[in-house]
Amino acid sequence: MVKLYSIAVLNKTGSNPIILKSCSDLSSFGYFQKKSVGEFMHFTAKMIVERSERGSRASIKEQEYLCHAYVRADNLSAVIISDRDYPNRVAHTLLSKILDDFSAAYSPQVWSSATEESLKFDALHVYLNKYQNPQEADAMTRLQRDLDETKIILHETISSLLQRGEKLDDLVAKSEDLSAQSKVFFKTARKTNQCCQYYP
């Protein structure tokens, strides 16, 4: 069964994108893993948006996960993290809808100063639930043909997004978004070669 894990709306500002709103379904992860998995989903979303060009779409494979991203020319961005079988077209149609709805609710002036706690955008939870079944959602999205003409860049791994000389381990170590517990979780998972069973 396909699964949507996380949706995040971000403002791509400089080298540190800001998460404006996010929601996730971490019910398939163990109780003690949920906090670290949630932090890594935020970390991953910010890293992808930071390294993506404005006006671009991408889908990035990482083990059994897919990260779908849309960074608009006005810096408003969204990232969906799903399992590997979730259809790209449905994910990218949903990204467009989310950003259209978010920009209708909040102006660019709000994006620049807002925090996740200060904004109310319940539509994310609705979309996360509604789009868990892509076949059902796909019936609604078939009418949108504009995506067929949009180039979606497909990356085989998160590492392909990193700049020359950058290492994921170093980014994790430097990250201020990850707690000490999550950094230890990452290192332990790397050592036992099971990291990708727990986070994208």
N, C-alpha and C. Protein backbone atom coordinates (compact mmCIF):
# COMPACT_ATOMS: atom_id res chain seq x y z
N MET A 1 0.85 -1.19 0.00
CA MET A 1 0.00 0.00 0.00
C MET A 1 0.89 1.25 0.00
N VAL A 2 0.58 2.20 -0.86
CA VAL A 2 1.38 3.42 -0.95
C VAL A 2 1.08 4.33 0.24
N LYS A 3 2.03 5.23 0.52
CA LYS A 3 1.92 6.03 1.73
C LYS A 3 2.50 7.42 1.53
N LEU A 4 1.76 8.41 2.02
CA LEU A 4 2.27 9.78 2.13
C LEU A 4 2.67 9.99 3.58
N TYR A 5 3.91 10.40 3.80
CA TYR A 5 4.39 10.59 5.16
C TYR A 5 4.35 12.03 5.62
N SER A 6 4.66 12.97 4.71
CA SER A 6 4.86 14.34 5.16
C SER A 6 4.61 15.33 4.04
N ILE A 7 4.07 16.50 4.42
CA ILE A 7 3.91 17.63 3.51
C ILE A 7 4.45 18.86 4.24
N ALA A 8 5.27 19.64 3.57
CA ALA A 8 5.78 20.88 4.16
C ALA A 8 5.71 22.01 3.15
N VAL A 9 5.30 23.18 3.61
CA VAL A 9 5.31 24.40 2.80
C VAL A 9 6.43 25.27 3.34
N LEU A 10 7.29 25.76 2.45
CA LEU A 10 8.47 26.51 2.87
C LEU A 10 8.61 27.81 2.08
N ASN A 11 9.37 28.72 2.65
CA ASN A 11 9.77 29.94 1.96
C ASN A 11 11.27 29.83 1.71
N LYS A 12 11.66 29.79 0.43
CA LYS A 12 13.08 29.66 0.08
C LYS A 12 13.72 31.04 0.20
N THR A 13 14.34 31.29 1.34
CA THR A 13 14.99 32.58 1.55
C THR A 13 16.46 32.34 1.84
N GLY A 14 17.29 32.80 0.98
CA GLY A 14 18.73 32.65 1.19
C GLY A 14 19.15 31.20 1.34
N SER A 15 20.06 30.97 2.27
CA SER A 15 20.59 29.62 2.44
C SER A 15 19.87 28.85 3.55
N ASN A 16 18.80 29.43 4.09
CA ASN A 16 18.08 28.74 5.16
C ASN A 16 16.57 28.84 4.94
N PRO A 17 16.01 27.94 4.13
CA PRO A 17 14.56 27.97 3.91
C PRO A 17 13.80 27.85 5.24
N ILE A 18 12.66 28.52 5.30
CA ILE A 18 11.85 28.53 6.52
C ILE A 18 10.62 27.68 6.28
N ILE A 19 10.35 26.75 7.19
CA ILE A 19 9.12 25.95 7.11
C ILE A 19 7.97 26.81 7.62
N LEU A 20 6.99 27.06 6.74
CA LEU A 20 5.85 27.88 7.09
C LEU A 20 4.73 27.04 7.70
N LYS A 21 4.57 25.82 7.19
CA LYS A 21 3.56 24.91 7.72
C LYS A 21 3.93 23.49 7.31
N SER A 22 3.63 22.53 8.17
CA SER A 22 3.91 21.14 7.84
C SER A 22 2.95 20.23 8.59
N CYS A 23 2.81 19.02 8.08
CA CYS A 23 2.05 17.99 8.77
C CYS A 23 2.62 16.65 8.34
N SER A 24 2.41 15.64 9.16
CA SER A 24 2.95 14.33 8.83
C SER A 24 2.09 13.22 9.41
N ASP A 25 2.26 12.04 8.86
CA ASP A 25 1.64 10.83 9.37
C ASP A 25 2.77 9.85 9.65
N LEU A 26 3.15 9.75 10.91
CA LEU A 26 4.27 8.90 11.31
C LEU A 26 3.79 7.64 12.03
N SER A 27 2.54 7.26 11.80
CA SER A 27 1.95 6.12 12.50
C SER A 27 2.64 4.80 12.16
N SER A 28 3.33 4.73 11.04
CA SER A 28 4.00 3.48 10.67
C SER A 28 5.38 3.33 11.32
N PHE A 29 5.81 4.34 12.07
CA PHE A 29 7.10 4.29 12.76
C PHE A 29 6.89 3.99 14.24
N GLY A 30 7.89 3.43 14.87
CA GLY A 30 7.82 3.11 16.29
C GLY A 30 7.73 4.37 17.15
N TYR A 31 7.18 4.23 18.34
CA TYR A 31 6.96 5.36 19.24
C TYR A 31 8.24 6.15 19.50
N PHE A 32 9.35 5.46 19.75
CA PHE A 32 10.60 6.14 20.09
C PHE A 32 11.31 6.70 18.86
N GLN A 33 10.87 6.34 17.68
CA GLN A 33 11.49 6.83 16.44
C GLN A 33 10.79 8.07 15.90
N LYS A 34 9.55 8.29 16.26
CA LYS A 34 8.72 9.33 15.63
C LYS A 34 9.34 10.72 15.69
N LYS A 35 9.88 11.11 16.86
CA LYS A 35 10.45 12.46 16.99
C LYS A 35 11.63 12.63 16.04
N SER A 36 12.54 11.66 16.00
CA SER A 36 13.70 11.75 15.12
C SER A 36 13.29 11.70 13.65
N VAL A 37 12.34 10.85 13.32
CA VAL A 37 11.87 10.76 11.93
C VAL A 37 11.27 12.10 11.51
N GLY A 38 10.45 12.69 12.37
CA GLY A 38 9.85 14.00 12.06
C GLY A 38 10.91 15.07 11.85
N GLU A 39 11.94 15.09 12.70
CA GLU A 39 13.01 16.06 12.53
C GLU A 39 13.76 15.85 11.22
N PHE A 40 14.00 14.59 10.87
CA PHE A 40 14.71 14.33 9.62
C PHE A 40 13.87 14.69 8.41
N MET A 41 12.56 14.57 8.50
CA MET A 41 11.71 14.99 7.38
C MET A 41 11.79 16.50 7.19
N HIS A 42 11.81 17.26 8.29
CA HIS A 42 11.98 18.72 8.20
C HIS A 42 13.36 19.05 7.63
N PHE A 43 14.38 18.40 8.14
CA PHE A 43 15.75 18.60 7.68
C PHE A 43 15.85 18.32 6.17
N THR A 44 15.28 17.22 5.74
CA THR A 44 15.32 16.83 4.32
C THR A 44 14.59 17.84 3.45
N ALA A 45 13.40 18.27 3.89
CA ALA A 45 12.62 19.24 3.11
C ALA A 45 13.40 20.54 2.94
N LYS A 46 14.01 21.03 4.01
CA LYS A 46 14.78 22.28 3.93
C LYS A 46 16.01 22.12 3.03
N MET A 47 16.69 20.99 3.15
CA MET A 47 17.88 20.75 2.34
C MET A 47 17.53 20.70 0.85
N ILE A 48 16.43 20.04 0.51
CA ILE A 48 16.03 19.93 -0.90
C ILE A 48 15.66 21.30 -1.46
N VAL A 49 14.88 22.07 -0.71
CA VAL A 49 14.47 23.40 -1.19
C VAL A 49 15.69 24.31 -1.33
N GLU A 50 16.59 24.26 -0.36
CA GLU A 50 17.80 25.09 -0.42
C GLU A 50 18.61 24.82 -1.68
N ARG A 51 18.67 23.55 -2.09
CA ARG A 51 19.53 23.17 -3.21
C ARG A 51 18.79 23.08 -4.54
N SER A 52 17.52 23.47 -4.57
CA SER A 52 16.74 23.46 -5.81
C SER A 52 16.65 24.86 -6.40
N GLU A 53 16.65 24.92 -7.71
CA GLU A 53 16.52 26.20 -8.39
C GLU A 53 15.09 26.72 -8.29
N ARG A 54 14.94 28.03 -8.29
CA ARG A 54 13.60 28.61 -8.33
C ARG A 54 12.93 28.22 -9.65
N GLY A 55 11.63 27.96 -9.59
CA GLY A 55 10.89 27.57 -10.78
C GLY A 55 11.15 26.14 -11.21
N SER A 56 11.55 25.28 -10.28
CA SER A 56 11.87 23.90 -10.64
C SER A 56 11.04 22.89 -9.85
N ARG A 57 10.93 21.71 -10.46
CA ARG A 57 10.29 20.57 -9.81
C ARG A 57 11.28 19.43 -9.80
N ALA A 58 11.23 18.62 -8.74
CA ALA A 58 12.14 17.47 -8.68
C ALA A 58 11.48 16.36 -7.87
N SER A 59 11.88 15.14 -8.19
CA SER A 59 11.55 13.97 -7.37
C SER A 59 12.87 13.28 -7.09
N ILE A 60 13.13 13.04 -5.81
CA ILE A 60 14.41 12.47 -5.39
C ILE A 60 14.16 11.13 -4.73
N LYS A 61 14.79 10.09 -5.25
CA LYS A 61 14.67 8.75 -4.66
C LYS A 61 15.73 8.62 -3.58
N GLU A 62 15.35 8.02 -2.48
CA GLU A 62 16.32 7.68 -1.43
C GLU A 62 15.83 6.39 -0.77
N GLN A 63 16.47 5.28 -1.15
CA GLN A 63 16.06 3.95 -0.70
C GLN A 63 14.58 3.75 -1.03
N GLU A 64 13.74 3.48 -0.02
CA GLU A 64 12.32 3.22 -0.33
C GLU A 64 11.45 4.48 -0.26
N TYR A 65 12.08 5.65 -0.23
CA TYR A 65 11.34 6.90 -0.14
C TYR A 65 11.47 7.72 -1.41
N LEU A 66 10.48 8.60 -1.63
CA LEU A 66 10.53 9.59 -2.70
C LEU A 66 10.24 10.95 -2.07
N CYS A 67 11.05 11.92 -2.39
CA CYS A 67 10.83 13.30 -1.96
C CYS A 67 10.48 14.10 -3.20
N HIS A 68 9.28 14.65 -3.22
CA HIS A 68 8.81 15.45 -4.36
C HIS A 68 8.87 16.91 -3.95
N ALA A 69 9.45 17.75 -4.80
CA ALA A 69 9.60 19.16 -4.44
C ALA A 69 9.20 20.07 -5.59
N TYR A 70 8.60 21.19 -5.23
CA TYR A 70 8.26 22.24 -6.19
C TYR A 70 8.68 23.56 -5.57
N VAL A 71 9.61 24.25 -6.21
CA VAL A 71 10.06 25.56 -5.76
C VAL A 71 9.60 26.57 -6.80
N ARG A 72 8.65 27.41 -6.42
CA ARG A 72 8.12 28.38 -7.37
C ARG A 72 9.09 29.55 -7.54
N ALA A 73 8.89 30.31 -8.60
CA ALA A 73 9.74 31.46 -8.88
C ALA A 73 9.65 32.52 -7.79
N ASP A 74 8.53 32.56 -7.06
CA ASP A 74 8.35 33.56 -5.98
C ASP A 74 8.87 33.07 -4.63
N ASN A 75 9.61 31.94 -4.63
CA ASN A 75 10.23 31.34 -3.44
C ASN A 75 9.31 30.47 -2.60
N LEU A 76 7.99 30.52 -2.84
CA LEU A 76 7.11 29.62 -2.10
C LEU A 76 7.36 28.20 -2.60
N SER A 77 7.52 27.27 -1.68
CA SER A 77 7.94 25.91 -2.03
C SER A 77 7.16 24.89 -1.22
N ALA A 78 7.13 23.67 -1.73
CA ALA A 78 6.50 22.57 -0.99
C ALA A 78 7.25 21.29 -1.26
N VAL A 79 7.27 20.43 -0.24
CA VAL A 79 7.92 19.12 -0.35
C VAL A 79 6.97 18.07 0.20
N ILE A 80 6.81 16.99 -0.55
CA ILE A 80 6.04 15.84 -0.11
C ILE A 80 7.02 14.67 0.01
N ILE A 81 6.95 13.96 1.12
CA ILE A 81 7.75 12.75 1.29
C ILE A 81 6.78 11.57 1.31
N SER A 82 7.03 10.63 0.40
CA SER A 82 6.15 9.48 0.24
C SER A 82 6.98 8.20 0.15
N ASP A 83 6.28 7.09 0.05
CA ASP A 83 7.03 5.87 -0.23
C ASP A 83 7.36 5.86 -1.72
N ARG A 84 8.17 4.91 -2.14
CA ARG A 84 8.71 4.90 -3.49
C ARG A 84 7.66 4.62 -4.57
N ASP A 85 6.53 4.05 -4.19
CA ASP A 85 5.51 3.68 -5.16
C ASP A 85 4.47 4.76 -5.41
N TYR A 86 4.56 5.86 -4.68
CA TYR A 86 3.56 6.92 -4.86
C TYR A 86 3.76 7.57 -6.23
N PRO A 87 2.69 7.73 -7.03
CA PRO A 87 2.83 8.26 -8.39
C PRO A 87 3.32 9.71 -8.43
N ASN A 88 4.35 9.96 -9.23
CA ASN A 88 4.93 11.30 -9.36
C ASN A 88 3.89 12.34 -9.78
N ARG A 89 3.09 11.99 -10.76
CA ARG A 89 2.14 12.96 -11.32
C ARG A 89 1.15 13.41 -10.26
N VAL A 90 0.66 12.48 -9.45
CA VAL A 90 -0.29 12.84 -8.39
C VAL A 90 0.40 13.73 -7.36
N ALA A 91 1.63 13.37 -6.97
CA ALA A 91 2.37 14.17 -5.99
C ALA A 91 2.60 15.59 -6.49
N HIS A 92 2.99 15.73 -7.75
CA HIS A 92 3.28 17.07 -8.26
C HIS A 92 2.02 17.89 -8.51
N THR A 93 0.92 17.22 -8.82
CA THR A 93 -0.35 17.94 -8.92
C THR A 93 -0.76 18.45 -7.55
N LEU A 94 -0.56 17.62 -6.53
CA LEU A 94 -0.88 18.03 -5.17
C LEU A 94 0.02 19.19 -4.72
N LEU A 95 1.30 19.15 -5.06
CA LEU A 95 2.20 20.26 -4.71
C LEU A 95 1.68 21.58 -5.28
N SER A 96 1.26 21.56 -6.55
CA SER A 96 0.73 22.78 -7.18
C SER A 96 -0.51 23.27 -6.44
N LYS A 97 -1.41 22.35 -6.13
CA LYS A 97 -2.65 22.73 -5.45
C LYS A 97 -2.36 23.32 -4.07
N ILE A 98 -1.46 22.69 -3.33
CA ILE A 98 -1.10 23.19 -1.99
C ILE A 98 -0.55 24.61 -2.07
N LEU A 99 0.37 24.85 -2.99
CA LEU A 99 0.98 26.18 -3.08
C LEU A 99 -0.02 27.22 -3.57
N ASP A 100 -0.90 26.84 -4.49
CA ASP A 100 -1.96 27.77 -4.94
C ASP A 100 -2.86 28.15 -3.76
N ASP A 101 -3.27 27.15 -2.99
CA ASP A 101 -4.16 27.42 -1.85
C ASP A 101 -3.45 28.24 -0.77
N PHE A 102 -2.18 27.91 -0.52
CA PHE A 102 -1.44 28.63 0.52
C PHE A 102 -1.24 30.09 0.12
N SER A 103 -0.87 30.33 -1.15
CA SER A 103 -0.65 31.72 -1.57
C SER A 103 -1.95 32.50 -1.67
N ALA A 104 -3.09 31.81 -1.83
CA ALA A 104 -4.38 32.49 -1.78
C ALA A 104 -4.73 32.88 -0.35
N ALA A 105 -4.27 32.08 0.61
CA ALA A 105 -4.57 32.36 2.03
C ALA A 105 -3.61 33.38 2.64
N TYR A 106 -2.34 33.36 2.19
CA TYR A 106 -1.32 34.23 2.78
C TYR A 106 -0.50 34.93 1.70
N SER A 107 -0.31 36.21 1.85
CA SER A 107 0.45 37.00 0.87
C SER A 107 1.95 36.81 1.10
N PRO A 108 2.76 37.17 0.09
CA PRO A 108 4.22 37.08 0.24
C PRO A 108 4.76 37.87 1.43
N GLN A 109 4.10 38.96 1.79
CA GLN A 109 4.55 39.74 2.95
C GLN A 109 4.47 38.91 4.23
N VAL A 110 3.49 38.03 4.31
CA VAL A 110 3.32 37.17 5.49
C VAL A 110 4.40 36.09 5.50
N TRP A 111 4.73 35.54 4.32
CA TRP A 111 5.71 34.44 4.25
C TRP A 111 7.04 34.86 4.85
N SER A 112 7.43 36.12 4.63
CA SER A 112 8.77 36.55 5.03
C SER A 112 8.94 36.67 6.54
N SER A 113 7.85 36.83 7.28
CA SER A 113 7.98 37.03 8.72
C SER A 113 7.27 35.97 9.55
N ALA A 114 6.61 35.03 8.90
CA ALA A 114 5.79 34.05 9.63
C ALA A 114 6.63 32.92 10.21
N THR A 115 6.07 32.30 11.23
CA THR A 115 6.63 31.07 11.78
C THR A 115 5.55 29.99 11.67
N GLU A 116 5.96 28.75 11.79
CA GLU A 116 4.99 27.66 11.65
C GLU A 116 3.87 27.77 12.68
N GLU A 117 4.21 28.22 13.87
CA GLU A 117 3.20 28.33 14.93
C GLU A 117 2.23 29.48 14.69
N SER A 118 2.64 30.49 13.93
CA SER A 118 1.80 31.68 13.75
C SER A 118 0.77 31.53 12.62
N LEU A 119 0.91 30.52 11.78
CA LEU A 119 0.01 30.37 10.64
C LEU A 119 -0.97 29.22 10.85
N LYS A 120 -2.19 29.43 10.38
CA LYS A 120 -3.21 28.38 10.43
C LYS A 120 -3.50 27.97 8.99
N PHE A 121 -3.27 26.70 8.68
CA PHE A 121 -3.52 26.21 7.33
C PHE A 121 -3.90 24.74 7.42
N ASP A 122 -5.16 24.49 7.81
CA ASP A 122 -5.64 23.13 8.05
C ASP A 122 -5.73 22.30 6.78
N ALA A 123 -5.66 22.94 5.63
CA ALA A 123 -5.77 22.21 4.36
C ALA A 123 -4.69 21.13 4.23
N LEU A 124 -3.51 21.35 4.84
CA LEU A 124 -2.44 20.35 4.74
C LEU A 124 -2.88 19.00 5.30
N HIS A 125 -3.53 19.02 6.46
CA HIS A 125 -4.01 17.77 7.07
C HIS A 125 -5.07 17.11 6.19
N VAL A 126 -5.92 17.93 5.62
CA VAL A 126 -6.96 17.40 4.72
C VAL A 126 -6.31 16.72 3.52
N TYR A 127 -5.33 17.40 2.91
CA TYR A 127 -4.65 16.82 1.75
C TYR A 127 -3.87 15.55 2.11
N LEU A 128 -3.21 15.57 3.27
CA LEU A 128 -2.44 14.40 3.67
C LEU A 128 -3.34 13.17 3.79
N ASN A 129 -4.54 13.36 4.33
CA ASN A 129 -5.49 12.25 4.46
C ASN A 129 -6.11 11.88 3.12
N LYS A 130 -6.56 12.88 2.38
CA LYS A 130 -7.27 12.66 1.13
C LYS A 130 -6.40 12.00 0.07
N TYR A 131 -5.12 12.36 0.03
CA TYR A 131 -4.23 11.86 -1.01
C TYR A 131 -3.47 10.59 -0.60
N GLN A 132 -3.84 9.99 0.53
CA GLN A 132 -3.23 8.71 0.90
C GLN A 132 -3.54 7.65 -0.16
N ASN A 133 -4.71 7.78 -0.78
CA ASN A 133 -5.09 6.86 -1.84
C ASN A 133 -4.93 7.58 -3.18
N PRO A 134 -3.80 7.37 -3.87
CA PRO A 134 -3.55 8.13 -5.10
C PRO A 134 -4.51 7.80 -6.24
N GLN A 135 -5.09 6.59 -6.24
CA GLN A 135 -6.04 6.25 -7.30
C GLN A 135 -7.27 7.13 -7.21
N GLU A 136 -7.74 7.32 -5.99
CA GLU A 136 -8.90 8.17 -5.78
C GLU A 136 -8.56 9.62 -6.12
N ALA A 137 -7.40 10.06 -5.65
CA ALA A 137 -6.97 11.43 -5.91
C ALA A 137 -6.69 11.63 -7.39
N ASP A 138 -6.18 10.61 -8.05
CA ASP A 138 -5.81 10.72 -9.46
C ASP A 138 -7.01 11.02 -10.34
N ALA A 139 -8.19 10.53 -9.96
CA ALA A 139 -9.40 10.81 -10.73
C ALA A 139 -9.66 12.31 -10.77
N MET A 140 -9.31 13.00 -9.67
CA MET A 140 -9.52 14.44 -9.62
C MET A 140 -8.41 15.19 -10.35
N THR A 141 -7.23 14.61 -10.43
CA THR A 141 -6.09 15.33 -10.98
C THR A 141 -5.88 15.09 -12.47
N ARG A 142 -6.57 14.14 -13.04
CA ARG A 142 -6.38 13.85 -14.46
C ARG A 142 -6.69 15.05 -15.35
N LEU A 143 -7.57 15.93 -14.86
CA LEU A 143 -7.95 17.09 -15.65
C LEU A 143 -6.82 18.11 -15.77
N GLN A 144 -5.87 18.06 -14.87
CA GLN A 144 -4.76 19.02 -14.93
C GLN A 144 -3.68 18.50 -15.86
N ARG A 145 -3.62 19.06 -17.04
CA ARG A 145 -2.67 18.58 -18.03
C ARG A 145 -1.40 19.42 -18.08
N ASP A 146 -1.37 20.49 -17.32
CA ASP A 146 -0.19 21.37 -17.39
C ASP A 146 1.07 20.67 -16.90
N LEU A 147 0.91 19.68 -16.02
CA LEU A 147 2.09 18.97 -15.52
C LEU A 147 2.78 18.16 -16.60
N ASP A 148 2.03 17.73 -17.61
CA ASP A 148 2.62 16.93 -18.68
C ASP A 148 3.69 17.71 -19.41
N GLU A 149 3.57 19.03 -19.41
CA GLU A 149 4.53 19.87 -20.12
C GLU A 149 5.62 20.40 -19.20
N THR A 150 5.54 20.07 -17.91
CA THR A 150 6.51 20.56 -16.95
C THR A 150 7.61 19.52 -16.75
N LYS A 151 8.83 19.97 -16.83
CA LYS A 151 9.96 19.06 -16.64
C LYS A 151 10.17 18.82 -15.15
N ILE A 152 10.14 17.55 -14.78
CA ILE A 152 10.41 17.16 -13.40
C ILE A 152 11.77 16.47 -13.38
N ILE A 153 12.70 17.02 -12.63
CA ILE A 153 14.04 16.45 -12.55
C ILE A 153 13.99 15.27 -11.58
N LEU A 154 14.52 14.13 -12.00
CA LEU A 154 14.53 12.95 -11.15
C LEU A 154 15.95 12.68 -10.69
N HIS A 155 16.15 12.72 -9.38
CA HIS A 155 17.45 12.42 -8.79
C HIS A 155 17.38 11.01 -8.20
N GLU A 156 18.44 10.25 -8.35
CA GLU A 156 18.46 8.88 -7.83
C GLU A 156 18.68 8.83 -6.33
N THR A 157 19.36 9.81 -5.77
CA THR A 157 19.59 9.82 -4.32
C THR A 157 19.67 11.27 -3.83
N ILE A 158 19.53 11.44 -2.53
CA ILE A 158 19.72 12.75 -1.90
C ILE A 158 21.13 13.25 -2.18
N SER A 159 22.10 12.35 -2.21
CA SER A 159 23.50 12.74 -2.42
C SER A 159 23.70 13.48 -3.73
N SER A 160 22.88 13.18 -4.74
CA SER A 160 23.03 13.85 -6.03
C SER A 160 22.67 15.33 -5.95
N LEU A 161 21.96 15.74 -4.89
CA LEU A 161 21.63 17.16 -4.69
C LEU A 161 22.76 17.94 -4.02
N LEU A 162 23.62 17.21 -3.32
CA LEU A 162 24.66 17.88 -2.56
C LEU A 162 25.72 18.48 -3.47
N GLN A 163 26.32 19.57 -3.03
CA GLN A 163 27.36 20.22 -3.81
C GLN A 163 28.65 19.42 -3.69
N ARG A 164 29.53 19.62 -4.63
CA ARG A 164 30.80 18.89 -4.62
C ARG A 164 31.51 19.06 -3.28
N GLY A 165 31.92 17.92 -2.71
CA GLY A 165 32.64 17.95 -1.45
C GLY A 165 31.74 17.88 -0.22
N GLU A 166 30.42 18.10 -0.41
CA GLU A 166 29.51 18.02 0.74
C GLU A 166 29.18 16.57 1.05
N LYS A 167 29.01 16.29 2.33
CA LYS A 167 28.61 14.96 2.77
C LYS A 167 27.40 15.09 3.67
N LEU A 168 26.47 14.15 3.53
CA LEU A 168 25.26 14.17 4.33
C LEU A 168 25.60 14.09 5.82
N ASP A 169 26.58 13.28 6.18
CA ASP A 169 26.98 13.16 7.59
C ASP A 169 27.39 14.51 8.17
N ASP A 170 28.12 15.31 7.37
CA ASP A 170 28.57 16.63 7.84
C ASP A 170 27.39 17.59 7.99
N LEU A 171 26.44 17.53 7.05
CA LEU A 171 25.26 18.40 7.12
C LEU A 171 24.43 18.07 8.36
N VAL A 172 24.29 16.78 8.63
CA VAL A 172 23.55 16.36 9.83
C VAL A 172 24.25 16.87 11.08
N ALA A 173 25.57 16.71 11.14
CA ALA A 173 26.33 17.13 12.33
C ALA A 173 26.20 18.64 12.57
N LYS A 174 26.15 19.44 11.50
CA LYS A 174 26.09 20.90 11.63
C LYS A 174 24.68 21.43 11.84
N SER A 175 23.67 20.61 11.54
CA SER A 175 22.29 21.08 11.53
C SER A 175 21.83 21.55 12.90
N GLU A 176 21.19 22.72 12.91
CA GLU A 176 20.58 23.22 14.14
C GLU A 176 19.14 22.76 14.27
N ASP A 177 18.62 22.14 13.19
CA ASP A 177 17.23 21.66 13.19
C ASP A 177 17.09 20.30 13.85
N LEU A 178 18.20 19.59 14.00
CA LEU A 178 18.15 18.24 14.55
C LEU A 178 18.61 18.25 16.01
N SER A 179 17.87 17.54 16.85
CA SER A 179 18.26 17.43 18.25
C SER A 179 19.45 16.49 18.37
N ALA A 180 20.11 16.53 19.52
CA ALA A 180 21.24 15.64 19.78
C ALA A 180 20.79 14.18 19.67
N GLN A 181 19.57 13.91 20.13
CA GLN A 181 19.02 12.55 20.05
C GLN A 181 18.90 12.10 18.60
N SER A 182 18.44 12.98 17.72
CA SER A 182 18.29 12.62 16.31
C SER A 182 19.63 12.42 15.63
N LYS A 183 20.64 13.20 16.03
CA LYS A 183 21.98 13.03 15.46
C LYS A 183 22.58 11.68 15.88
N VAL A 184 22.36 11.30 17.13
CA VAL A 184 22.83 9.99 17.60
C VAL A 184 22.07 8.89 16.86
N PHE A 185 20.78 9.07 16.70
CA PHE A 185 19.93 8.13 15.96
C PHE A 185 20.47 7.93 14.55
N PHE A 186 20.82 9.04 13.89
CA PHE A 186 21.37 8.98 12.53
C PHE A 186 22.66 8.18 12.49
N LYS A 187 23.59 8.51 13.41
CA LYS A 187 24.89 7.81 13.43
C LYS A 187 24.72 6.32 13.70
N THR A 188 23.87 6.00 14.65
CA THR A 188 23.64 4.59 14.99
C THR A 188 23.04 3.84 13.81
N ALA A 189 22.06 4.47 13.16
CA ALA A 189 21.41 3.84 12.01
C ALA A 189 22.40 3.66 10.87
N ARG A 190 23.28 4.64 10.66
CA ARG A 190 24.30 4.54 9.61
C ARG A 190 25.24 3.36 9.88
N LYS A 191 25.66 3.24 11.15
CA LYS A 191 26.61 2.18 11.51
C LYS A 191 26.00 0.80 11.32
N THR A 192 24.73 0.67 11.62
CA THR A 192 24.09 -0.64 11.49
C THR A 192 23.49 -0.83 10.09
N ASN A 193 23.70 0.20 9.23
CA ASN A 193 23.25 0.15 7.83
C ASN A 193 21.75 -0.03 7.71
N GLN A 194 21.01 0.57 8.65
CA GLN A 194 19.55 0.48 8.62
C GLN A 194 18.90 1.85 8.56
N CYS A 195 19.69 2.87 8.26
CA CYS A 195 19.17 4.23 8.36
C CYS A 195 17.95 4.45 7.50
N CYS A 196 17.93 3.89 6.35
CA CYS A 196 16.87 4.21 5.42
C CYS A 196 15.57 3.48 5.73
N GLN A 197 15.57 2.63 6.74
CA GLN A 197 14.31 2.04 7.18
C GLN A 197 13.57 3.00 8.09
N TYR A 198 14.26 4.04 8.54
CA TYR A 198 13.66 4.92 9.53
C TYR A 198 13.33 6.32 9.05
N TYR A 199 14.06 6.81 8.06
CA TYR A 199 13.80 8.18 7.61
C TYR A 199 14.21 8.32 6.15
N PRO A 200 13.67 9.34 5.48
CA PRO A 200 13.99 9.54 4.06
C PRO A 200 15.36 10.14 3.87
